[in-house]
């Protein structure tokens, strides 16, 4: 069973478009990028990731996403099944 997470990203001022573009083109050995959306509000970009397990999802966030120029802070929300 795969893990799905929503990564809420705050970017540096003026870097939102570049961060979104980098995420759309990102290929990670740890997780698959399902969707990338530039949004309004307290966050600038939201990325939906799928990984085989929680550790791989975490590696994608810390090694791949947080390494993108302009990414200032991330907040991760894990999808859960309540049924």
N, C-alpha and C. Protein backbone atom coordinates (compact mmCIF):
# COMPACT_ATOMS: atom_id res chain seq x y z
N UNK A 1 0.85 -1.18 0.00
CA UNK A 1 0.00 0.00 0.00
C UNK A 1 0.89 1.24 0.00
N UNK A 2 0.56 2.19 -0.81
CA UNK A 2 1.38 3.40 -0.89
C UNK A 2 0.90 4.46 0.09
N UNK A 3 1.80 5.38 0.36
CA UNK A 3 1.53 6.52 1.24
C UNK A 3 1.34 7.74 0.35
N UNK A 4 0.30 8.53 0.64
CA UNK A 4 0.07 9.76 -0.11
C UNK A 4 0.19 10.93 0.84
N UNK A 5 0.92 11.95 0.42
CA UNK A 5 1.10 13.13 1.25
C UNK A 5 0.93 14.40 0.43
N UNK A 6 0.47 15.43 1.11
CA UNK A 6 0.35 16.76 0.52
C UNK A 6 1.40 17.63 1.17
N UNK A 7 2.30 18.19 0.37
CA UNK A 7 3.40 18.99 0.88
C UNK A 7 3.05 20.45 0.60
N UNK A 8 2.86 21.21 1.67
CA UNK A 8 2.52 22.63 1.58
C UNK A 8 3.82 23.41 1.66
N UNK A 9 4.09 24.20 0.65
CA UNK A 9 5.40 24.84 0.51
C UNK A 9 5.27 26.36 0.59
N UNK A 10 6.12 26.94 1.42
CA UNK A 10 6.30 28.39 1.44
C UNK A 10 7.59 28.67 0.68
N UNK A 11 7.50 29.56 -0.30
CA UNK A 11 8.69 29.88 -1.10
C UNK A 11 9.20 31.27 -0.74
N UNK A 12 10.43 31.52 -1.14
CA UNK A 12 11.00 32.85 -0.96
C UNK A 12 10.24 33.83 -1.85
N UNK A 13 10.19 35.07 -1.46
CA UNK A 13 9.49 36.09 -2.23
C UNK A 13 10.04 36.13 -3.66
N UNK A 14 9.12 36.08 -4.62
CA UNK A 14 9.51 36.15 -6.02
C UNK A 14 9.97 34.83 -6.62
N UNK A 15 9.94 33.74 -5.84
CA UNK A 15 10.45 32.46 -6.33
C UNK A 15 9.36 31.41 -6.55
N UNK A 16 8.09 31.76 -6.36
CA UNK A 16 7.01 30.78 -6.43
C UNK A 16 6.94 30.10 -7.80
N UNK A 17 7.01 30.88 -8.86
CA UNK A 17 6.92 30.29 -10.20
C UNK A 17 8.07 29.33 -10.46
N UNK A 18 9.27 29.71 -10.06
CA UNK A 18 10.45 28.85 -10.26
C UNK A 18 10.33 27.57 -9.44
N UNK A 19 9.83 27.67 -8.22
CA UNK A 19 9.66 26.49 -7.37
C UNK A 19 8.63 25.55 -8.01
N UNK A 20 7.50 26.09 -8.45
CA UNK A 20 6.48 25.27 -9.09
C UNK A 20 7.01 24.57 -10.34
N UNK A 21 7.76 25.29 -11.15
CA UNK A 21 8.33 24.71 -12.36
C UNK A 21 9.30 23.59 -12.02
N UNK A 22 10.15 23.80 -11.02
CA UNK A 22 11.11 22.78 -10.61
C UNK A 22 10.40 21.53 -10.10
N UNK A 23 9.33 21.72 -9.36
CA UNK A 23 8.59 20.58 -8.82
C UNK A 23 7.89 19.80 -9.93
N UNK A 24 7.35 20.50 -10.91
CA UNK A 24 6.68 19.82 -12.02
C UNK A 24 7.66 18.95 -12.82
N UNK A 25 8.92 19.35 -12.86
CA UNK A 25 9.93 18.59 -13.59
C UNK A 25 10.74 17.63 -12.73
N UNK A 26 10.44 17.59 -11.45
CA UNK A 26 11.23 16.78 -10.53
C UNK A 26 10.99 15.28 -10.73
N UNK A 27 12.08 14.53 -10.78
CA UNK A 27 12.01 13.08 -10.80
C UNK A 27 12.81 12.60 -9.61
N UNK A 28 12.12 11.95 -8.68
CA UNK A 28 12.75 11.49 -7.46
C UNK A 28 12.78 9.97 -7.43
N UNK A 29 13.87 9.39 -6.94
CA UNK A 29 13.90 7.94 -6.76
C UNK A 29 13.07 7.49 -5.55
N UNK A 30 12.61 8.45 -4.76
CA UNK A 30 11.91 8.13 -3.51
C UNK A 30 10.39 8.15 -3.63
N UNK A 31 9.84 9.05 -4.44
CA UNK A 31 8.39 9.21 -4.51
C UNK A 31 7.99 9.74 -5.88
N UNK A 32 6.70 9.60 -6.18
CA UNK A 32 6.15 10.08 -7.43
C UNK A 32 5.37 11.37 -7.20
N UNK A 33 5.56 12.33 -8.05
CA UNK A 33 4.80 13.58 -7.98
C UNK A 33 3.48 13.35 -8.73
N UNK A 34 2.37 13.46 -8.01
CA UNK A 34 1.05 13.26 -8.62
C UNK A 34 0.46 14.57 -9.13
N UNK A 35 0.71 15.66 -8.41
CA UNK A 35 0.14 16.96 -8.79
C UNK A 35 0.96 18.07 -8.16
N UNK A 36 1.01 19.20 -8.85
CA UNK A 36 1.65 20.42 -8.34
C UNK A 36 0.71 21.57 -8.64
N UNK A 37 0.35 22.32 -7.61
CA UNK A 37 -0.52 23.48 -7.79
C UNK A 37 0.07 24.69 -7.10
N UNK A 38 0.08 25.81 -7.81
CA UNK A 38 0.42 27.10 -7.21
C UNK A 38 -0.88 27.64 -6.63
N UNK A 39 -0.84 28.08 -5.38
CA UNK A 39 -2.05 28.47 -4.68
C UNK A 39 -1.90 29.84 -4.01
N UNK A 40 -3.02 30.38 -3.56
CA UNK A 40 -3.01 31.61 -2.78
C UNK A 40 -3.19 31.25 -1.31
N UNK A 41 -2.90 32.19 -0.43
CA UNK A 41 -3.04 31.95 1.01
C UNK A 41 -1.69 31.85 1.68
N UNK A 42 -1.64 31.17 2.82
CA UNK A 42 -0.39 31.12 3.59
C UNK A 42 0.70 30.28 2.92
N UNK A 43 0.33 29.42 1.98
CA UNK A 43 1.31 28.61 1.26
C UNK A 43 1.32 29.05 -0.19
N UNK A 44 2.41 28.73 -0.88
CA UNK A 44 2.58 29.16 -2.27
C UNK A 44 2.39 28.03 -3.27
N UNK A 45 2.81 26.83 -2.89
CA UNK A 45 2.71 25.67 -3.77
C UNK A 45 2.30 24.47 -2.94
N UNK A 46 1.43 23.63 -3.51
CA UNK A 46 1.06 22.37 -2.87
C UNK A 46 1.41 21.24 -3.83
N UNK A 47 2.12 20.24 -3.31
CA UNK A 47 2.54 19.09 -4.10
C UNK A 47 1.91 17.83 -3.51
N UNK A 48 1.36 17.01 -4.37
CA UNK A 48 0.86 15.71 -3.93
C UNK A 48 1.88 14.66 -4.31
N UNK A 49 2.33 13.89 -3.32
CA UNK A 49 3.32 12.83 -3.54
C UNK A 49 2.74 11.48 -3.18
N UNK A 50 3.26 10.44 -3.84
CA UNK A 50 2.96 9.07 -3.48
C UNK A 50 4.28 8.32 -3.36
N UNK A 51 4.40 7.55 -2.28
CA UNK A 51 5.62 6.77 -2.05
C UNK A 51 5.24 5.39 -1.52
N UNK A 52 6.17 4.46 -1.62
CA UNK A 52 5.91 3.11 -1.16
C UNK A 52 5.82 3.01 0.36
N UNK A 53 6.52 3.90 1.07
CA UNK A 53 6.42 3.92 2.53
C UNK A 53 6.76 5.31 3.07
N UNK A 54 6.53 5.49 4.34
CA UNK A 54 6.69 6.80 4.97
C UNK A 54 8.14 7.28 4.93
N UNK A 55 9.09 6.38 5.07
CA UNK A 55 10.50 6.78 5.03
C UNK A 55 10.88 7.34 3.66
N UNK A 56 10.41 6.71 2.61
CA UNK A 56 10.70 7.21 1.27
C UNK A 56 10.05 8.56 1.02
N UNK A 57 8.84 8.73 1.53
CA UNK A 57 8.17 10.03 1.40
C UNK A 57 9.00 11.10 2.10
N UNK A 58 9.47 10.80 3.31
CA UNK A 58 10.30 11.74 4.06
C UNK A 58 11.59 12.07 3.34
N UNK A 59 12.22 11.08 2.72
CA UNK A 59 13.45 11.34 1.97
C UNK A 59 13.20 12.24 0.78
N UNK A 60 12.07 12.06 0.11
CA UNK A 60 11.74 12.92 -1.02
C UNK A 60 11.60 14.36 -0.56
N UNK A 61 10.97 14.55 0.58
CA UNK A 61 10.77 15.91 1.10
C UNK A 61 12.09 16.53 1.51
N UNK A 62 12.86 15.81 2.33
CA UNK A 62 14.08 16.40 2.89
C UNK A 62 15.24 16.46 1.90
N UNK A 63 15.34 15.49 1.01
CA UNK A 63 16.47 15.46 0.08
C UNK A 63 16.16 16.13 -1.25
N UNK A 64 14.95 15.99 -1.72
CA UNK A 64 14.62 16.50 -3.06
C UNK A 64 13.91 17.85 -2.99
N UNK A 65 12.78 17.91 -2.33
CA UNK A 65 11.98 19.14 -2.33
C UNK A 65 12.69 20.27 -1.58
N UNK A 66 13.20 19.99 -0.40
CA UNK A 66 13.83 21.06 0.38
C UNK A 66 15.15 21.51 -0.23
N UNK A 67 15.66 20.77 -1.20
CA UNK A 67 16.88 21.16 -1.90
C UNK A 67 16.64 22.08 -3.09
N UNK A 68 15.38 22.32 -3.42
CA UNK A 68 15.06 23.18 -4.56
C UNK A 68 15.28 24.64 -4.16
N UNK A 69 15.99 25.37 -4.99
CA UNK A 69 16.24 26.79 -4.72
C UNK A 69 14.92 27.54 -4.60
N UNK A 70 14.77 28.30 -3.52
CA UNK A 70 13.56 29.08 -3.31
C UNK A 70 12.58 28.47 -2.33
N UNK A 71 12.74 27.18 -2.02
CA UNK A 71 11.87 26.56 -1.02
C UNK A 71 12.33 27.01 0.35
N UNK A 72 11.44 27.65 1.08
CA UNK A 72 11.79 28.19 2.39
C UNK A 72 11.35 27.26 3.53
N UNK A 73 10.14 26.70 3.42
CA UNK A 73 9.59 25.87 4.49
C UNK A 73 8.57 24.91 3.91
N UNK A 74 8.49 23.70 4.49
CA UNK A 74 7.49 22.73 4.07
C UNK A 74 6.66 22.27 5.27
N UNK A 75 5.41 21.96 5.00
CA UNK A 75 4.52 21.35 5.98
C UNK A 75 3.90 20.15 5.29
N UNK A 76 3.94 18.99 5.95
CA UNK A 76 3.45 17.76 5.34
C UNK A 76 2.16 17.30 5.98
N UNK A 77 1.18 16.99 5.13
CA UNK A 77 -0.11 16.44 5.58
C UNK A 77 -0.26 15.07 4.94
N UNK A 78 -0.40 14.04 5.76
CA UNK A 78 -0.56 12.68 5.23
C UNK A 78 -2.02 12.36 5.02
N UNK A 79 -2.32 11.70 3.91
CA UNK A 79 -3.68 11.25 3.63
C UNK A 79 -3.94 9.98 4.44
N UNK A 80 -5.12 9.89 5.04
CA UNK A 80 -5.49 8.69 5.81
C UNK A 80 -6.83 8.17 5.32
N UNK A 81 -7.06 6.90 5.52
CA UNK A 81 -8.34 6.30 5.18
C UNK A 81 -9.11 6.06 6.46
N UNK A 82 -10.28 6.65 6.58
CA UNK A 82 -11.08 6.52 7.80
C UNK A 82 -12.19 5.49 7.65
N UNK A 83 -12.15 4.73 6.54
CA UNK A 83 -13.19 3.71 6.35
C UNK A 83 -12.61 2.33 6.49
